[in-house]
C-alpha atoms as a PDB file:
ATOM      1  CA  UNK A   1       3.399 -16.546  -5.227  1.00  0.00           C
ATOM      2  CA  UNK A   2       2.198 -13.570  -7.291  1.00  0.00           C
ATOM      3  CA  UNK A   3       0.092 -10.629  -6.235  1.00  0.00           C
ATOM      4  CA  UNK A   4      -3.576 -11.689  -5.940  1.00  0.00           C
ATOM      5  CA  UNK A   5      -5.149  -8.266  -5.398  1.00  0.00           C
ATOM      6  CA  UNK A   6      -7.451  -7.032  -8.145  1.00  0.00           C
ATOM      7  CA  UNK A   7      -7.755  -3.462  -6.883  1.00  0.00           C
ATOM      8  CA  UNK A   8      -5.079  -0.788  -6.418  1.00  0.00           C
ATOM      9  CA  UNK A   9      -4.462   0.054  -2.759  1.00  0.00           C
ATOM     10  CA  UNK A  10      -4.191   3.623  -1.547  1.00  0.00           C
ATOM     11  CA  UNK A  11      -2.490   4.591   1.706  1.00  0.00           C
ATOM     12  CA  UNK A  12      -5.134   6.095   3.990  1.00  0.00           C
ATOM     13  CA  UNK A  13      -5.586   6.568   7.699  1.00  0.00           C
ATOM     14  CA  UNK A  14      -9.307   6.328   8.464  1.00  0.00           C
ATOM     15  CA  UNK A  15     -10.685   5.411  11.903  1.00  0.00           C
ATOM     16  CA  UNK A  16     -12.818   2.280  11.838  1.00  0.00           C
ATOM     17  CA  UNK A  17     -15.166   0.474  14.188  1.00  0.00           C
ATOM     18  CA  UNK A  18     -15.173  -3.295  13.653  1.00  0.00           C
ATOM     19  CA  UNK A  19     -18.218  -4.941  15.278  1.00  0.00           C
ATOM     20  CA  UNK A  20     -19.063  -8.579  15.959  1.00  0.00           C
ATOM     21  CA  UNK A  21     -21.469 -10.034  18.577  1.00  0.00           C
ATOM     22  CA  UNK A  22     -18.837 -12.299  20.155  1.00  0.00           C
ATOM     23  CA  UNK A  23     -16.053  -9.705  20.467  1.00  0.00           C
ATOM     24  CA  UNK A  24     -17.900  -6.393  20.731  1.00  0.00           C
ATOM     25  CA  UNK A  25     -16.467  -3.341  19.006  1.00  0.00           C
ATOM     26  CA  UNK A  26     -12.786  -2.998  18.045  1.00  0.00           C
ATOM     27  CA  UNK A  27     -11.383   0.424  17.190  1.00  0.00           C
ATOM     28  CA  UNK A  28      -8.669   0.644  14.564  1.00  0.00           C
ATOM     29  CA  UNK A  29      -7.228   2.689  11.742  1.00  0.00           C
ATOM     30  CA  UNK A  30      -6.771   1.778   8.090  1.00  0.00           C
ATOM     31  CA  UNK A  31      -3.237   1.519   6.732  1.00  0.00           C
ATOM     32  CA  UNK A  32      -4.532   1.281   3.183  1.00  0.00           C
ATOM     33  CA  UNK A  33      -7.861   0.833   1.401  1.00  0.00           C
ATOM     34  CA  UNK A  34      -9.079  -0.246  -2.012  1.00  0.00           C
ATOM     35  CA  UNK A  35     -12.325  -1.082  -3.797  1.00  0.00           C
ATOM     36  CA  UNK A  36     -11.856  -4.654  -2.508  1.00  0.00           C
ATOM     37  CA  UNK A  37     -11.068  -4.080   1.144  1.00  0.00           C
ATOM     38  CA  UNK A  38      -8.729  -2.545   3.711  1.00  0.00           C
ATOM     39  CA  UNK A  39      -5.783  -3.325   5.921  1.00  0.00           C
ATOM     40  CA  UNK A  40      -6.582  -2.201   9.470  1.00  0.00           C
ATOM     41  CA  UNK A  41      -4.271  -1.770  12.428  1.00  0.00           C
ATOM     42  CA  UNK A  42      -5.996  -2.397  15.764  1.00  0.00           C
ATOM     43  CA  UNK A  43      -4.920  -1.930  19.382  1.00  0.00           C
ATOM     44  CA  UNK A  44      -7.126  -4.768  20.686  1.00  0.00           C
ATOM     45  CA  UNK A  45      -5.793  -8.148  21.716  1.00  0.00           C
ATOM     46  CA  UNK A  46      -9.085  -9.725  20.729  1.00  0.00           C
ATOM     47  CA  UNK A  47      -8.900 -10.060  16.973  1.00  0.00           C
ATOM     48  CA  UNK A  48     -11.566 -12.000  15.076  1.00  0.00           C
ATOM     49  CA  UNK A  49     -10.272 -15.152  13.377  1.00  0.00           C
ATOM     50  CA  UNK A  50      -9.823 -15.466   9.633  1.00  0.00           C
ATOM     51  CA  UNK A  51     -13.181 -16.176   7.972  1.00  0.00           C
ATOM     52  CA  UNK A  52     -15.204 -14.152  10.478  1.00  0.00           C
ATOM     53  CA  UNK A  53     -17.876 -11.892   9.020  1.00  0.00           C
ATOM     54  CA  UNK A  54     -17.832  -8.477  10.709  1.00  0.00           C
ATOM     55  CA  UNK A  55     -19.653  -5.172  10.401  1.00  0.00           C
ATOM     56  CA  UNK A  56     -17.452  -2.121   9.824  1.00  0.00           C
ATOM     57  CA  UNK A  57     -18.118   1.593  10.070  1.00  0.00           C
ATOM     58  CA  UNK A  58     -15.579   4.047   8.645  1.00  0.00           C
ATOM     59  CA  UNK A  59     -15.372   7.226  10.734  1.00  0.00           C
ATOM     60  CA  UNK A  60     -14.134  10.679   9.663  1.00  0.00           C
ATOM     61  CA  UNK A  61     -13.392  13.609  11.924  1.00  0.00           C
ATOM     62  CA  UNK A  62     -16.981  14.890  11.789  1.00  0.00           C
ATOM     63  CA  UNK A  63     -19.192  11.823  11.794  1.00  0.00           C
ATOM     64  CA  UNK A  64     -19.299   8.541   9.966  1.00  0.00           C
ATOM     65  CA  UNK A  65     -18.461   8.032   6.306  1.00  0.00           C
ATOM     66  CA  UNK A  66     -21.091   5.293   6.257  1.00  0.00           C
ATOM     67  CA  UNK A  67     -24.014   5.485   8.715  1.00  0.00           C
ATOM     68  CA  UNK A  68     -24.889   1.825   8.278  1.00  0.00           C
ATOM     69  CA  UNK A  69     -22.018  -0.598   8.891  1.00  0.00           C
ATOM     70  CA  UNK A  70     -20.799  -2.532   5.826  1.00  0.00           C
ATOM     71  CA  UNK A  71     -20.303  -6.270   5.913  1.00  0.00           C
ATOM     72  CA  UNK A  72     -16.684  -7.384   5.550  1.00  0.00           C
ATOM     73  CA  UNK A  73     -14.783 -10.675   5.883  1.00  0.00           C
ATOM     74  CA  UNK A  74     -11.568 -11.126   7.850  1.00  0.00           C
ATOM     75  CA  UNK A  75      -9.081 -12.449   5.262  1.00  0.00           C
ATOM     76  CA  UNK A  76      -5.872 -12.408   7.324  1.00  0.00           C
ATOM     77  CA  UNK A  77      -4.453 -11.386  10.666  1.00  0.00           C
ATOM     78  CA  UNK A  78      -0.845 -10.660  11.465  1.00  0.00           C
ATOM     79  CA  UNK A  79      -0.017  -9.384  14.943  1.00  0.00           C
ATOM     80  CA  UNK A  80      -2.210  -6.315  15.329  1.00  0.00           C
ATOM     81  CA  UNK A  81      -3.133  -5.939  11.636  1.00  0.00           C
ATOM     82  CA  UNK A  82      -6.141  -7.516  10.000  1.00  0.00           C
ATOM     83  CA  UNK A  83      -7.086  -7.643   6.337  1.00  0.00           C
ATOM     84  CA  UNK A  84     -10.748  -7.044   5.560  1.00  0.00           C
ATOM     85  CA  UNK A  85     -12.517  -7.722   2.289  1.00  0.00           C
ATOM     86  CA  UNK A  86     -15.852  -6.148   1.392  1.00  0.00           C
ATOM     87  CA  UNK A  87     -18.517  -8.906   1.380  1.00  0.00           C
END
């Protein structure tokens, strides 16, 4: 199966808050990011299932990159890594 990604990924470690009413807030860190989404490593054992719509805030050292959370879709999960696509 060939590569399906349309956007080039860049390695980046950015702290993220993934929010959903049924699971609360999960803290993680991006492994890579692109114009289409991000791969996020999380420490939580509660990972939203594939297809879940979540709100995500990207955090830098001094405040948030985005004040309002962005809507993203969970595209895959593998152990403690989830793939998120911008909605």
